[in-house]
Protein backbone atom coordinates (compact mmCIF):
# COMPACT_ATOMS: atom_id res chain seq x y z
CA MET A 1 0.00 0.00 0.00
CA GLN A 2 1.24 3.49 -0.87
CA ARG A 3 0.07 6.67 0.88
CA VAL A 4 -0.47 9.67 -1.41
CA SER A 5 -2.46 12.91 -1.53
CA ALA A 6 -5.76 13.11 -3.41
CA ASP A 7 -4.17 15.25 -6.11
CA GLU A 8 -1.32 12.77 -6.55
CA ALA A 9 -3.75 9.85 -6.75
CA VAL A 10 -5.90 11.31 -9.52
CA LYS A 11 -2.81 12.05 -11.65
CA LEU A 12 -2.90 8.32 -12.45
CA ILE A 13 -6.33 8.50 -14.08
CA ARG A 14 -6.12 8.33 -17.87
CA SER A 15 -8.48 9.81 -20.42
CA GLY A 16 -11.16 7.29 -21.34
CA ASP A 17 -10.93 5.42 -18.01
CA THR A 18 -13.96 3.90 -16.32
CA ILE A 19 -14.14 4.86 -12.64
CA VAL A 20 -16.35 2.98 -10.16
CA ILE A 21 -17.20 5.04 -7.08
CA GLY A 22 -18.49 3.83 -3.73
CA GLY A 23 -20.75 5.78 -1.39
CA SER A 24 -24.37 6.72 -0.95
CA GLY A 25 -26.47 9.84 -1.32
CA GLY A 26 -25.71 12.74 0.95
CA GLY A 27 -22.10 11.90 1.79
CA HIS A 28 -22.40 8.44 3.36
CA ALA A 29 -18.96 6.88 2.76
CA VAL A 30 -18.57 9.07 -0.34
CA PRO A 31 -14.89 9.57 -1.36
CA GLU A 32 -15.51 13.30 -1.77
CA ALA A 33 -11.86 14.37 -1.66
CA LEU A 34 -10.99 12.11 -4.59
CA MET A 35 -13.91 13.31 -6.71
CA ALA A 36 -13.05 16.94 -5.98
CA ALA A 37 -9.43 16.29 -6.95
CA VAL A 38 -10.51 14.95 -10.36
CA GLU A 39 -12.41 18.19 -10.95
CA ARG A 40 -9.44 20.33 -9.86
CA ARG A 41 -7.11 18.51 -12.20
CA PHE A 42 -9.50 18.83 -15.15
CA LEU A 43 -10.02 22.55 -14.58
CA ALA A 44 -6.27 23.10 -14.32
CA GLU A 45 -4.99 20.75 -17.05
CA GLY A 46 -7.99 19.73 -19.15
CA LEU A 47 -7.30 16.12 -18.11
CA PRO A 48 -8.54 13.44 -17.79
CA ARG A 49 -11.09 13.52 -20.61
CA ASP A 50 -14.00 11.32 -21.62
CA ILE A 51 -14.22 9.29 -18.43
CA THR A 52 -17.08 6.92 -17.61
CA ALA A 53 -18.36 7.17 -14.02
CA VAL A 54 -20.30 4.30 -12.46
CA HIS A 55 -21.82 4.45 -8.98
CA PRO A 56 -24.76 2.27 -7.84
CA VAL A 57 -26.17 4.95 -5.53
CA GLY A 58 -26.67 8.63 -6.36
CA LEU A 59 -23.89 10.81 -4.94
CA GLY A 60 -24.12 14.46 -3.94
CA ASP A 61 -25.61 17.17 -1.78
CA GLY A 62 -27.99 18.49 -4.43
CA GLY A 63 -25.41 21.16 -5.26
CA SER A 64 -21.73 21.10 -6.15
CA LYS A 65 -20.55 17.98 -4.31
CA GLY A 66 -20.47 14.31 -5.24
CA ALA A 67 -21.06 13.44 -8.89
CA SER A 68 -21.47 17.14 -9.71
CA HIS A 69 -17.66 17.39 -9.60
CA PHE A 70 -17.72 15.52 -12.92
CA ALA A 71 -20.34 17.75 -14.56
CA HIS A 72 -17.98 19.34 -17.10
CA GLU A 73 -18.08 18.93 -20.86
CA GLY A 74 -15.02 17.04 -21.95
CA LEU A 75 -14.39 15.48 -18.54
CA LEU A 76 -17.41 13.16 -18.46
CA LYS A 77 -18.42 11.04 -21.44
CA ARG A 78 -20.80 8.55 -19.79
CA ILE A 79 -22.43 8.11 -16.40
CA VAL A 80 -24.22 5.00 -15.17
CA CYS A 81 -25.82 5.17 -11.75
CA GLY A 82 -28.96 4.59 -9.72
CA THR A 83 -30.11 8.20 -9.61
CA PHE A 84 -29.22 11.75 -10.58
CA VAL A 85 -31.32 13.27 -7.77
CA ASN A 86 -28.24 14.11 -5.68
CA SER A 87 -26.46 15.82 -8.58
CA PRO A 88 -28.76 18.09 -10.62
CA ALA A 89 -25.83 19.27 -12.74
CA ILE A 90 -25.54 15.74 -14.15
CA SER A 91 -29.28 15.71 -14.86
CA ASP A 92 -28.90 19.00 -16.73
CA MET A 93 -26.10 17.56 -18.87
CA ALA A 94 -28.17 14.47 -19.71
CA ILE A 95 -31.21 16.56 -20.66
CA ALA A 96 -28.98 18.74 -22.87
CA ASP A 97 -27.55 15.55 -24.43
CA LYS A 98 -24.01 16.49 -23.36
CA VAL A 99 -23.34 13.16 -21.65
CA GLU A 100 -24.36 9.56 -22.21
CA GLY A 101 -26.64 9.18 -19.20
CA TYR A 102 -28.15 5.98 -17.83
CA THR A 103 -30.05 5.38 -14.60
CA LEU A 104 -30.35 1.69 -13.72
CA PRO A 105 -31.76 -0.10 -10.66
CA GLN A 106 -29.51 0.47 -7.66
CA GLY A 107 -29.78 -3.17 -6.66
CA ALA A 108 -28.84 -4.45 -10.11
CA LEU A 109 -25.75 -2.22 -10.21
CA SER A 110 -24.81 -3.23 -6.68
CA GLN A 111 -25.14 -6.94 -7.45
CA LEU A 112 -23.36 -6.48 -10.78
CA MET A 113 -20.19 -5.55 -8.87
CA ARG A 114 -20.08 -9.12 -7.52
CA GLU A 115 -20.58 -10.56 -11.00
CA ILE A 116 -17.66 -8.54 -12.36
CA ALA A 117 -15.53 -9.54 -9.37
CA ALA A 118 -16.15 -13.22 -10.16
CA GLY A 119 -15.45 -12.80 -13.86
CA ARG A 120 -19.00 -13.60 -14.87
CA PRO A 121 -20.53 -12.02 -17.99
CA GLY A 122 -23.21 -10.04 -16.16
CA LEU A 123 -26.32 -10.13 -13.98
CA MET A 124 -29.50 -11.88 -15.09
CA THR A 125 -32.60 -10.80 -13.19
CA LYS A 126 -36.29 -10.03 -13.59
CA THR A 127 -35.78 -6.67 -11.89
CA GLY A 128 -36.73 -3.90 -14.30
CA LEU A 129 -38.99 -5.87 -16.62
CA HIS A 130 -41.82 -3.71 -18.05
CA THR A 131 -40.21 -0.50 -16.74
CA PHE A 132 -38.14 2.11 -18.57
CA VAL A 133 -35.08 -0.08 -17.84
CA ASP A 134 -36.49 -2.81 -20.09
CA PRO A 135 -34.91 -2.41 -23.58
CA ARG A 136 -38.43 -2.42 -25.01
CA HIS A 137 -39.01 0.85 -23.10
CA GLY A 138 -35.61 2.56 -23.37
CA GLY A 139 -33.07 0.36 -21.62
CA GLY A 140 -32.40 2.86 -18.83
CA ARG A 141 -31.21 5.55 -21.26
CA GLN A 142 -31.76 9.12 -20.02
CA SER A 143 -30.14 11.01 -22.91
CA GLN A 144 -30.57 10.74 -26.66
CA CYS A 145 -26.85 10.24 -27.31
CA ALA A 146 -26.64 7.23 -24.96
CA PRO A 147 -26.24 4.07 -27.06
CA GLU A 148 -28.62 1.16 -26.63
CA GLY A 149 -27.43 -2.21 -25.41
CA VAL A 150 -26.33 -1.64 -21.81
CA VAL A 151 -29.25 -3.87 -20.80
CA GLU A 152 -30.54 -6.80 -22.86
CA ARG A 153 -33.80 -8.74 -22.64
CA VAL A 154 -33.17 -12.47 -22.78
CA ASP A 155 -35.31 -15.58 -22.87
CA PHE A 156 -34.17 -18.25 -20.44
CA ARG A 157 -36.14 -21.47 -20.22
CA GLY A 158 -39.19 -19.77 -21.59
CA GLU A 159 -39.14 -16.80 -19.21
CA ASP A 160 -38.20 -13.15 -19.74
CA TYR A 161 -35.18 -11.74 -17.91
CA LEU A 162 -33.04 -8.63 -18.13
CA PHE A 163 -29.30 -9.04 -18.55
CA PHE A 164 -27.06 -6.26 -17.16
CA LYS A 165 -23.69 -6.63 -18.88
CA SER A 166 -20.37 -6.69 -17.06
CA PHE A 167 -17.86 -4.00 -18.04
CA HIS A 168 -14.18 -3.22 -17.60
CA ILE A 169 -13.10 -1.11 -14.61
CA ASP A 170 -9.90 0.95 -14.67
CA VAL A 171 -10.07 2.81 -11.34
CA CYS A 172 -12.08 2.50 -8.15
CA PHE A 173 -12.69 5.21 -5.50
CA LEU A 174 -13.65 3.84 -2.07
CA ARG A 175 -13.94 5.26 1.43
CA GLY A 176 -13.43 3.92 4.92
CA THR A 177 -12.57 5.25 8.35
CA THR A 178 -9.15 3.75 9.16
CA ALA A 179 -6.38 2.20 7.07
CA ASP A 180 -3.46 0.37 8.59
CA GLU A 181 0.04 0.40 7.13
CA ASP A 182 -0.80 -2.63 4.97
CA GLY A 183 -3.87 -0.95 3.44
CA ASN A 184 -6.49 -2.88 5.39
CA ILE A 185 -9.58 -0.65 5.61
CA SER A 186 -12.13 -0.53 8.43
CA MET A 187 -15.41 1.40 8.38
CA GLU A 188 -16.24 1.86 12.05
CA GLN A 189 -17.41 5.48 11.73
CA GLU A 190 -19.29 5.05 8.46
CA ALA A 191 -23.08 4.93 8.38
CA VAL A 192 -23.16 2.29 5.60
CA PHE A 193 -21.00 -0.52 4.17
CA LEU A 194 -22.55 -0.74 0.66
CA GLU A 195 -20.63 -2.83 -1.89
CA MET A 196 -17.15 -1.46 -1.14
CA LEU A 197 -15.61 -4.95 -0.94
CA SER A 198 -17.21 -6.10 -4.20
CA GLU A 199 -16.12 -2.93 -6.01
CA ALA A 200 -12.52 -3.45 -4.89
CA GLN A 201 -12.61 -7.11 -5.93
CA ALA A 202 -14.18 -6.24 -9.30
CA THR A 203 -11.52 -3.62 -9.99
CA LYS A 204 -8.67 -5.99 -9.16
CA ARG A 205 -10.30 -8.65 -11.38
CA CYS A 206 -9.99 -6.12 -14.23
CA GLY A 207 -6.39 -5.25 -13.36
CA GLY A 208 -7.46 -1.78 -12.24
CA LEU A 209 -6.30 0.66 -9.57
CA VAL A 210 -8.05 0.79 -6.15
CA ILE A 211 -7.78 4.09 -4.26
CA ALA A 212 -9.20 4.36 -0.74
CA GLN A 213 -9.94 7.60 1.10
CA VAL A 214 -9.80 7.31 4.91
CA LYS A 215 -9.79 9.55 7.94
CA ARG A 216 -6.77 8.13 9.74
CA ILE A 217 -3.88 5.63 9.63
CA ALA A 218 -3.24 2.86 12.16
CA LYS A 219 -0.07 0.87 12.87
CA ARG A 220 0.27 -2.45 11.07
CA GLY A 221 -1.46 -5.27 12.95
CA THR A 222 -3.54 -3.07 15.27
CA LEU A 223 -6.89 -3.19 13.46
CA PRO A 224 -9.17 -5.91 14.84
CA PRO A 225 -9.30 -8.43 11.97
CA LYS A 226 -13.10 -8.67 12.08
CA SER A 227 -13.37 -4.91 11.60
CA VAL A 228 -11.57 -4.98 8.25
CA LYS A 229 -14.11 -4.50 5.44
CA ILE A 230 -11.62 -4.15 2.56
CA PRO A 231 -8.47 -6.27 2.85
CA GLY A 232 -5.19 -4.58 2.07
CA ILE A 233 -4.48 -7.05 -0.76
CA LEU A 234 -7.17 -5.18 -2.72
CA VAL A 235 -5.94 -1.63 -2.03
CA ASP A 236 -3.22 0.14 -4.03
CA LEU A 237 -3.29 3.73 -2.74
CA VAL A 238 -4.56 5.35 0.45
CA VAL A 239 -5.49 9.02 0.75
CA VAL A 240 -5.83 10.40 4.29
CA GLU A 241 -8.37 13.18 4.87
CA PRO A 242 -8.39 14.00 8.63
CA ASP A 243 -11.36 16.38 8.26
CA GLN A 244 -13.55 13.73 6.61
CA TRP A 245 -17.18 14.11 7.76
CA GLN A 246 -19.52 11.18 8.22
CA THR A 247 -22.09 12.76 5.86
CA TYR A 248 -22.35 16.09 4.09
CA LEU A 249 -24.54 17.35 6.96
CA VAL A 250 -23.14 15.56 10.03
CA GLU A 251 -19.53 15.53 11.18
CA TYR A 252 -20.13 12.43 13.29
CA SER A 253 -23.22 10.75 14.71
CA PRO A 254 -22.45 7.79 17.00
CA SER A 255 -25.97 6.55 16.37
CA TYR A 256 -25.39 6.44 12.59
CA ALA A 257 -22.17 4.52 13.25
CA GLY A 258 -23.98 2.01 15.48
CA GLU A 259 -21.85 3.05 18.45
CA LEU A 260 -24.90 3.75 20.63
CA ARG A 261 -28.68 3.72 20.57
CA MET A 262 -30.35 7.07 21.11
CA PRO A 263 -33.53 7.60 23.16
CA LEU A 264 -36.66 7.52 21.02
CA SER A 265 -37.54 10.92 22.45
CA ASP A 266 -34.52 12.33 20.58
CA ILE A 267 -35.92 11.26 17.20
CA PRO A 268 -37.72 14.37 15.88
CA VAL A 269 -41.53 14.53 16.09
CA LEU A 270 -42.96 15.67 12.77
CA PRO A 271 -45.21 18.74 12.67
CA LEU A 272 -48.81 18.12 11.64
CA ASP A 273 -48.86 18.74 7.91
CA ALA A 274 -49.70 16.84 4.73
CA ARG A 275 -46.49 14.80 4.89
CA LYS A 276 -47.18 13.63 8.42
CA ILE A 277 -50.78 12.74 7.59
CA ILE A 278 -49.55 10.66 4.67
CA ALA A 279 -46.91 8.95 6.81
CA ARG A 280 -49.52 8.23 9.49
CA ARG A 281 -51.97 6.70 7.00
CA ALA A 282 -49.20 4.58 5.50
CA ALA A 283 -48.18 3.48 9.01
CA LEU A 284 -51.66 2.04 9.54
CA GLU A 285 -50.58 -0.72 7.14
CA LEU A 286 -47.93 -1.89 9.63
CA PHE A 287 -48.51 -5.10 11.58
CA PRO A 288 -46.52 -6.80 14.37
CA GLY A 289 -43.25 -8.23 13.10
CA ALA A 290 -43.61 -6.73 9.61
CA ILE A 291 -40.36 -6.47 7.66
CA CYS A 292 -40.48 -3.18 5.76
CA ASN A 293 -38.48 -0.91 3.51
CA LEU A 294 -38.76 2.85 3.83
CA GLY A 295 -37.83 4.55 0.58
CA SER A 296 -36.42 8.07 0.45
CA GLY A 297 -38.71 11.08 0.53
CA ILE A 298 -42.06 11.22 2.21
CA SER A 299 -42.02 7.59 3.37
CA THR A 300 -39.06 8.14 5.70
CA GLY A 301 -41.52 10.00 7.95
CA ILE A 302 -42.97 6.62 8.94
CA ALA A 303 -39.89 6.05 11.12
CA ASN A 304 -40.56 9.34 12.97
CA VAL A 305 -44.23 8.42 13.39
CA ALA A 306 -43.33 4.95 14.69
CA ALA A 307 -40.88 6.45 17.20
CA GLU A 308 -43.42 9.03 18.38
CA GLU A 309 -46.05 6.33 18.80
CA GLY A 310 -43.68 3.96 20.62
CA VAL A 311 -43.92 1.11 18.11
CA LEU A 312 -40.49 1.24 16.50
CA ASP A 313 -39.51 -2.09 18.06
CA GLU A 314 -42.78 -3.76 17.04
CA VAL A 315 -41.76 -3.83 13.37
CA CYS A 316 -38.49 -4.11 11.43
CA LEU A 317 -37.77 -1.10 9.26
CA THR A 318 -34.95 -1.45 6.75
CA ASN A 319 -33.35 0.51 3.93
CA GLU A 320 -31.66 -0.71 0.79
CA GLN A 321 -28.23 0.51 1.86
CA GLY A 322 -28.10 -2.46 4.27
CA LEU A 323 -29.53 -1.18 7.58
CA ILE A 324 -31.90 -3.53 9.42
CA GLY A 325 -34.12 -2.35 12.29
CA GLY A 326 -34.27 0.98 14.07
CA ALA A 327 -35.30 4.24 12.44
CA PRO A 328 -34.05 5.00 8.90
CA ALA A 329 -32.91 8.61 8.60
CA SER A 330 -34.75 11.18 6.51
CA GLY A 331 -33.92 14.31 4.52
CA GLY A 332 -30.34 14.83 3.42
CA ASP A 333 -29.14 11.95 5.59
CA ALA A 334 -31.49 9.38 4.05
CA GLY A 335 -29.61 6.12 3.67
CA ALA A 336 -28.40 6.06 7.28
CA ALA A 337 -30.37 4.79 10.27
CA ARG A 338 -30.50 5.21 14.03
CA ASN A 339 -30.78 2.37 16.57
CA TYR A 340 -30.42 -0.33 13.94
CA ALA A 341 -30.02 -3.97 14.93
CA ALA A 342 -27.73 -5.05 12.10
CA ILE A 343 -25.95 -3.84 8.99
CA VAL A 344 -25.11 -5.91 5.91
CA ASP A 345 -23.46 -5.14 2.61
CA GLN A 346 -25.87 -3.60 0.13
CA PRO A 347 -25.82 -6.45 -2.44
CA TYR A 348 -27.03 -8.87 0.23
CA GLN A 349 -29.84 -6.52 1.23
CA PHE A 350 -30.99 -6.47 -2.39
CA ASP A 351 -30.74 -10.27 -2.55
CA PHE A 352 -33.21 -10.34 0.33
CA TYR A 353 -35.47 -7.78 -1.34
CA ASP A 354 -35.36 -9.49 -4.75
CA GLY A 355 -36.20 -12.78 -3.08
CA GLY A 356 -39.48 -11.39 -1.77
CA GLY A 357 -38.31 -10.82 1.82
CA LEU A 358 -40.23 -7.57 2.29
CA ASP A 359 -43.74 -7.70 3.71
CA LEU A 360 -44.32 -3.99 3.13
CA ALA A 361 -42.56 -1.45 0.94
CA PHE A 362 -43.26 2.24 1.55
CA LEU A 363 -42.23 4.32 -1.47
CA SER A 364 -42.96 7.72 -3.00
CA PHE A 365 -44.55 8.60 -6.32
CA ALA A 366 -44.32 11.57 -8.67
CA GLU A 367 -47.05 10.37 -11.05
CA VAL A 368 -49.63 7.58 -11.06
CA ASP A 369 -51.75 6.74 -14.09
CA ALA A 370 -55.04 4.97 -14.77
CA SER A 371 -53.30 1.59 -15.14
CA GLY A 372 -51.57 1.94 -11.78
CA ASN A 373 -48.16 2.64 -13.31
CA VAL A 374 -45.87 4.82 -11.16
CA ASN A 375 -43.22 7.31 -12.25
CA VAL A 376 -40.49 8.53 -9.93
CA SER A 377 -37.62 8.57 -12.42
CA ARG A 378 -38.26 11.35 -14.94
CA PHE A 379 -40.78 14.17 -15.18
CA GLY A 380 -40.70 17.48 -17.00
CA ASP A 381 -37.15 18.79 -17.23
CA ARG A 382 -35.92 16.74 -14.28
CA ILE A 383 -34.22 13.34 -14.34
CA VAL A 384 -34.21 11.54 -11.02
CA GLY A 385 -33.69 7.86 -11.81
CA PRO A 386 -35.00 4.86 -9.88
CA GLY A 387 -32.45 4.33 -7.10
CA GLY A 388 -33.55 1.18 -5.28
CA PHE A 389 -37.20 1.79 -6.18
CA ILE A 390 -37.50 -0.87 -8.90
CA ASN A 391 -35.99 -3.72 -6.88
CA ILE A 392 -38.11 -2.81 -3.87
CA SER A 393 -41.44 -2.13 -5.55
CA GLN A 394 -41.30 -5.07 -7.92
CA ASN A 395 -40.62 -7.72 -5.30
CA ALA A 396 -42.37 -6.70 -2.05
CA LYS A 397 -45.57 -8.51 -1.09
CA THR A 398 -47.41 -5.20 -0.49
CA VAL A 399 -46.39 -1.80 -1.87
CA ILE A 400 -47.65 1.51 -0.49
CA PHE A 401 -46.86 4.44 -2.78
CA SER A 402 -47.21 7.83 -1.07
CA ALA A 403 -47.21 11.49 -2.10
CA THR A 404 -49.17 14.70 -1.78
CA PHE A 405 -52.23 14.62 -4.04
CA THR A 406 -51.11 17.58 -6.18
CA ALA A 407 -47.77 19.16 -7.03
CA GLY A 408 -46.90 22.79 -6.37
CA LYS A 409 -47.72 25.15 -3.55
CA SER A 410 -50.92 24.33 -1.69
CA GLU A 411 -52.54 25.46 1.54
CA LEU A 412 -54.36 22.87 3.61
CA ALA A 413 -55.99 23.06 7.03
CA TRP A 414 -57.23 20.51 9.55
CA ASP A 415 -60.22 21.28 11.72
CA ASP A 416 -60.97 18.73 14.46
CA GLY A 417 -60.34 15.65 12.35
CA ALA A 418 -61.53 17.09 9.02
CA MET A 419 -59.57 18.47 6.10
CA ARG A 420 -60.06 21.82 4.42
CA ILE A 421 -58.41 22.79 1.12
CA VAL A 422 -57.71 26.51 1.20
CA LYS A 423 -55.57 26.53 -1.93
CA ASP A 424 -54.79 23.49 -4.05
CA GLY A 425 -51.54 22.69 -5.82
CA PRO A 426 -51.68 23.61 -9.52
CA GLN A 427 -50.43 20.34 -11.01
CA ALA A 428 -52.08 16.91 -11.03
CA LYS A 429 -50.04 13.88 -10.03
CA LEU A 430 -52.70 11.35 -11.00
CA VAL A 431 -52.45 11.48 -14.77
CA GLN A 432 -53.75 9.63 -17.80
CA ALA A 433 -50.33 8.18 -18.67
CA VAL A 434 -47.04 8.54 -16.77
CA GLU A 435 -44.06 10.07 -18.54
CA GLN A 436 -41.78 7.16 -17.62
CA ILE A 437 -42.71 3.79 -16.12
CA THR A 438 -40.71 3.06 -12.97
CA TYR A 439 -43.30 0.59 -11.65
CA SER A 440 -45.66 -1.36 -13.90
CA GLY A 441 -49.16 -1.61 -12.44
CA PRO A 442 -50.32 -4.33 -14.86
CA TYR A 443 -47.19 -6.42 -14.14
CA GLY A 444 -47.73 -6.03 -10.40
CA ALA A 445 -51.39 -7.04 -10.74
CA GLU A 446 -50.39 -10.04 -12.85
CA ARG A 447 -48.11 -11.22 -10.03
CA GLY A 448 -50.74 -10.70 -7.34
CA GLN A 449 -49.16 -7.78 -5.50
CA ARG A 450 -51.27 -5.73 -3.12
CA VAL A 451 -50.77 -2.06 -4.03
CA LEU A 452 -52.01 1.14 -2.34
CA TYR A 453 -51.58 4.79 -3.33
CA VAL A 454 -51.76 7.06 -0.27
CA THR A 455 -52.24 10.83 -0.28
CA GLU A 456 -53.36 13.34 2.34
CA ARG A 457 -56.93 13.46 1.00
CA ALA A 458 -57.54 10.08 -0.63
CA VAL A 459 -56.36 6.48 -0.71
CA PHE A 460 -56.51 4.28 -3.80
CA ARG A 461 -55.77 0.65 -4.49
CA LEU A 462 -54.74 -1.24 -7.61
CA GLY A 463 -57.75 -3.33 -8.56
CA PRO A 464 -58.47 -5.71 -11.43
CA GLY A 465 -59.74 -2.82 -13.55
CA GLY A 466 -57.08 -0.27 -12.59
CA VAL A 467 -56.91 2.42 -9.91
CA GLU A 468 -59.80 2.37 -7.43
CA LEU A 469 -60.68 5.07 -4.87
CA ILE A 470 -61.27 3.43 -1.48
CA GLU A 471 -60.93 6.23 1.11
CA VAL A 472 -61.35 10.01 1.27
CA ALA A 473 -60.50 12.49 4.00
CA PRO A 474 -63.32 13.85 6.17
CA GLY A 475 -64.40 17.24 4.83
CA VAL A 476 -63.33 16.47 1.25
CA ASP A 477 -65.78 16.46 -1.64
CA VAL A 478 -65.10 13.40 -3.80
CA GLU A 479 -65.97 14.94 -7.16
CA ARG A 480 -64.58 18.45 -6.60
CA ASP A 481 -61.48 17.77 -4.51
CA VAL A 482 -60.44 14.30 -5.70
CA VAL A 483 -61.84 13.15 -9.05
CA GLY A 484 -61.97 16.70 -10.39
CA ARG A 485 -58.26 17.16 -9.66
CA MET A 486 -57.24 13.96 -11.52
CA ARG A 487 -56.57 13.46 -15.23
CA PHE A 488 -58.54 10.22 -15.32
CA ARG A 489 -61.65 8.98 -13.60
CA PRO A 490 -60.86 6.22 -11.10
CA ILE A 491 -63.12 3.35 -10.21
CA ILE A 492 -65.11 4.42 -7.14
CA SER A 493 -65.33 1.63 -4.60
CA PRO A 494 -68.90 0.72 -3.61
CA GLU A 495 -67.45 0.51 -0.08
CA LEU A 496 -65.82 3.96 -0.17
CA LYS A 497 -65.12 5.10 3.38
CA LEU A 498 -63.61 8.01 5.28
CA MET A 499 -59.98 8.11 6.29
CA ASP A 500 -59.48 7.81 10.06
CA PRO A 501 -60.11 11.29 11.58
CA ARG A 502 -57.28 10.69 14.07
CA LEU A 503 -54.86 11.17 11.19
CA PHE A 504 -55.76 14.86 11.06
CA ARG A 505 -55.44 15.69 14.77
CA PRO A 506 -52.27 16.89 16.52
CA GLU A 507 -52.25 14.30 19.32
CA PRO A 508 -50.68 10.84 18.80
CA LEU A 509 -52.60 8.48 16.60
CA GLY A 510 -52.74 5.50 18.98
CA LEU A 511 -50.70 3.31 16.64
CA ALA A 512 -49.65 0.90 19.42
CA GLU A 513 -53.25 -0.05 20.14
CA HIS A 514 -53.94 -0.32 16.40
CA LEU A 515 -51.03 -2.77 15.99
CA SER A 516 -52.14 -4.83 18.96
CA ARG A 517 -55.39 -5.61 17.15
CA ARG A 518 -53.70 -6.70 13.91
CA PRO A 519 -52.47 -10.24 13.20
CA GLY A 520 -48.69 -10.59 13.27
CA ARG A 521 -46.30 -11.84 10.64
CA THR A 522 -47.02 -15.38 9.49
CA PRO A 523 -44.39 -17.77 10.93
CA PRO A 524 -42.57 -20.32 8.74
CA ALA A 525 -44.63 -23.41 8.00
CA HIS A 526 -42.45 -25.59 10.21
CA LEU A 527 -43.09 -23.37 13.24
CA ALA A 528 -46.75 -22.90 12.40
CA THR A 529 -47.36 -26.66 12.50
CA ALA A 530 -45.06 -27.53 15.43
CA PRO A 531 -46.64 -28.07 18.87
CA ALA A 532 -46.11 -25.10 21.17
CA HIS A 533 -44.20 -27.16 23.75
CA GLN A 534 -41.82 -28.43 21.05
CA VAL A 535 -41.03 -24.88 19.85
CA ALA A 536 -40.47 -23.76 23.44
CA ALA A 537 -38.14 -26.70 24.11
CA GLU A 538 -36.10 -26.02 21.01
């Protein structure tokens, strides 16, 4: 292992190289110093040019950090990642057709790192079928200049699959907390592990260069062997950044690192607004022992609601980055979690998700159409991408999509359990046809998924004939405030009912009592049929 500065390390990057970058979202284990050094070198020397950047998770603070360091004509030729939401400058380049832009499922990219590491030709999966990732609907391309063929549809034993092709890696940027003198990397202060090990292995399989950014150096032989996440045999260069923050917003949270569990009272209580009402209504779908995913955006509020209501330990909340249990973080720190019970590498979390391990998935939507299709990946002049959305939504047993009913500035009021619309948002989110399909309603219905669409004024379900209205808020007029604000007419359930008025009041909802009346998670068949005394004895 050789210790160098960030500027010295990036001198070794050649024009045309493919760089794989670890990290997640708002600075979680993001090798920010290395990415910034690439930008500095390009602005000073005009080199390197025409690089390809690959990162399974979106990287950035929504401004100038993360992937936005690469947002320069001539520097970046192609970018393949889960989402552009963290780096709007990359989205702008893709819309202007100044970069070959692709957004692919976060889970598929994460798992693909293992396939490359093992020398296999790619990843074959059903994830992404019938969405914009399917070559029949664009193949994940987000710019006109992006060539087709990154993803193929294949027939295997009479069934459709998508094939994500392996590719050559020249350089890998990783981040940990501590490196010893042999290059062994530990991640004790990081909020996530992700696929750092697989990315290092994949790069070495290709004969590439692995560069690790860390906060500090330890003497040879002093790191506990079980704490090493990336063995030194996989690391070529180490860059030490003593001022490395845990995330872009937080210098260090011991709770994010799993060093301690914080009191539930320290988890913020959400103010009563549309977002909290939506999170509360979604939380009514919880049941004892449920294994859940909380997607980014509005659904992360479910963790705050569960903490406020004292039921956080009654269910298992997870996120795709690998956190299991506790309260997934929200806002700019989404991707981390507090009070979690376990953390696994991201590819293994997606294995669990793809295998149908989730009872409930709580996700956001930007658009829903008459067929129940959902768009979160591209709308108007904004490219977001799917992140982990496709893996999660396609494979969970029940999916709850949540969002405010309209887009744009609105003014809503709640009067003793009833809702009053003072000023409505100008733009409909329930449209005749979504701009881009990130979730296929017909495909979900074909596979027997239970699907709900939750807003602050109405709840819909995916029925045999399409989207069906099943609940409305007290005080809301169905035709004027719901159907009249949609771009299609939903099926109206003959059993249409009012949303629970407790959702619209400032005091706690009483979620603990609600959960106590719901049946728990179904045990495995072996336990369900075993005599109680036998289970107790075992």
